[in-house]
Amino acid sequence: MTKILNEQLALSVTSATVRPARGNRRSIVLKNLDGGITIYVGTGTITSANGMELKPGESIELFTTDSVDAIAASGTPTVAYIEEFD
């Protein structure tokens, strides 16, 4: 049976784990809820130079079991996620 987990969290200018690695993850969708601040997502220690840019209001779906990490370009924007797993 497929399960989902969803949450919102405030980011900062320090790279942080949004979701740890999960071996049975099917997918995870992240959305930048902020109206004016860009965030960067990926795995590992994220910076503006190596992360995938998500402008305000943008989202991305990832099909990975790796950890999902993010950082804010500035301030404390909010990122939302919904994770699907077995």
Foldseek 3Di string as FASTA:
>chain_A
DKDKDKDKFWAAQFKDWPFAFAPFWQKKKKFFQDPAWKKFKDADGDDPVPGHIHGHGGMDMDGHRHTMMMHIPHDITMMMMMIMGD
